[in-house]
């Protein structure tokens, strides 16, 4: 893998994506959607339920090639983490990670477990873990592969607010340290504002970008007032798009 390839941006263009439902009807899910992330940036997809965010993530991951358009990914491994941790219940935390990434070094694994607050849980089994700890294991497994691209589909959903915030901070620190290009799906506008360098606001189906918010430097973060102002702008966009759909 060349350094140029590893540092290539994520470029996504979906001209059209259709699905056929159980009734045999063809539905256009995505239309004329474009987004770009530079190396090490975190992008957040925010949009109404059912607008096509997960479909788009499958396209970006290469799991769905039945669309019109093109996806250019950074060269190197791709990792994903989902709403459900998807851990093998009969394997320990450490074994769940090693099964996915057999060549992970011992020192590297310990550093990763410590960074995610899992140092004392390496020998525990999934049934002994809280949901928050299980989500940390899923993230550790994803990071252990040393991905050039990380895809996260609602990884903090159903966690209480303090736990979700702590996990978001751990995630952001690891992404920054390792310069991993990351695309995140979330329904939580405040979460997107806290984490992302780019926020892509999607319309109802067929999904396309109706607003993009960019932060050239997040070194000092946003003030509470700035963050809330941005949240209101994004929420207003979503309300307007949903209202337009209802009037059709």
Foldseek 3Di string as FASTA:
>chain_A
DDPCLLFDKKKWFFQWDWDQDPVRDIFIQAHGAIDIDGFLFEEEEAADPSSCPVVVVCVQVVVDPPTPTDIRARPFDEFEAEQALPFDQVAFLQVSLCVLVVPQDPVNLCVLCVLLVNNVRRGPGPVVDDRLVSLSSSVSSRCSRLGLEYEYECSLPPPPDVSSVVNLVSVQVSSNVSRHYYYYYDNDLLSSLQRGQKYFYWAHPNTYGPDIDGDPDCPVHDDPVVSVVVSVVSVVVNVVRVVVVVVD
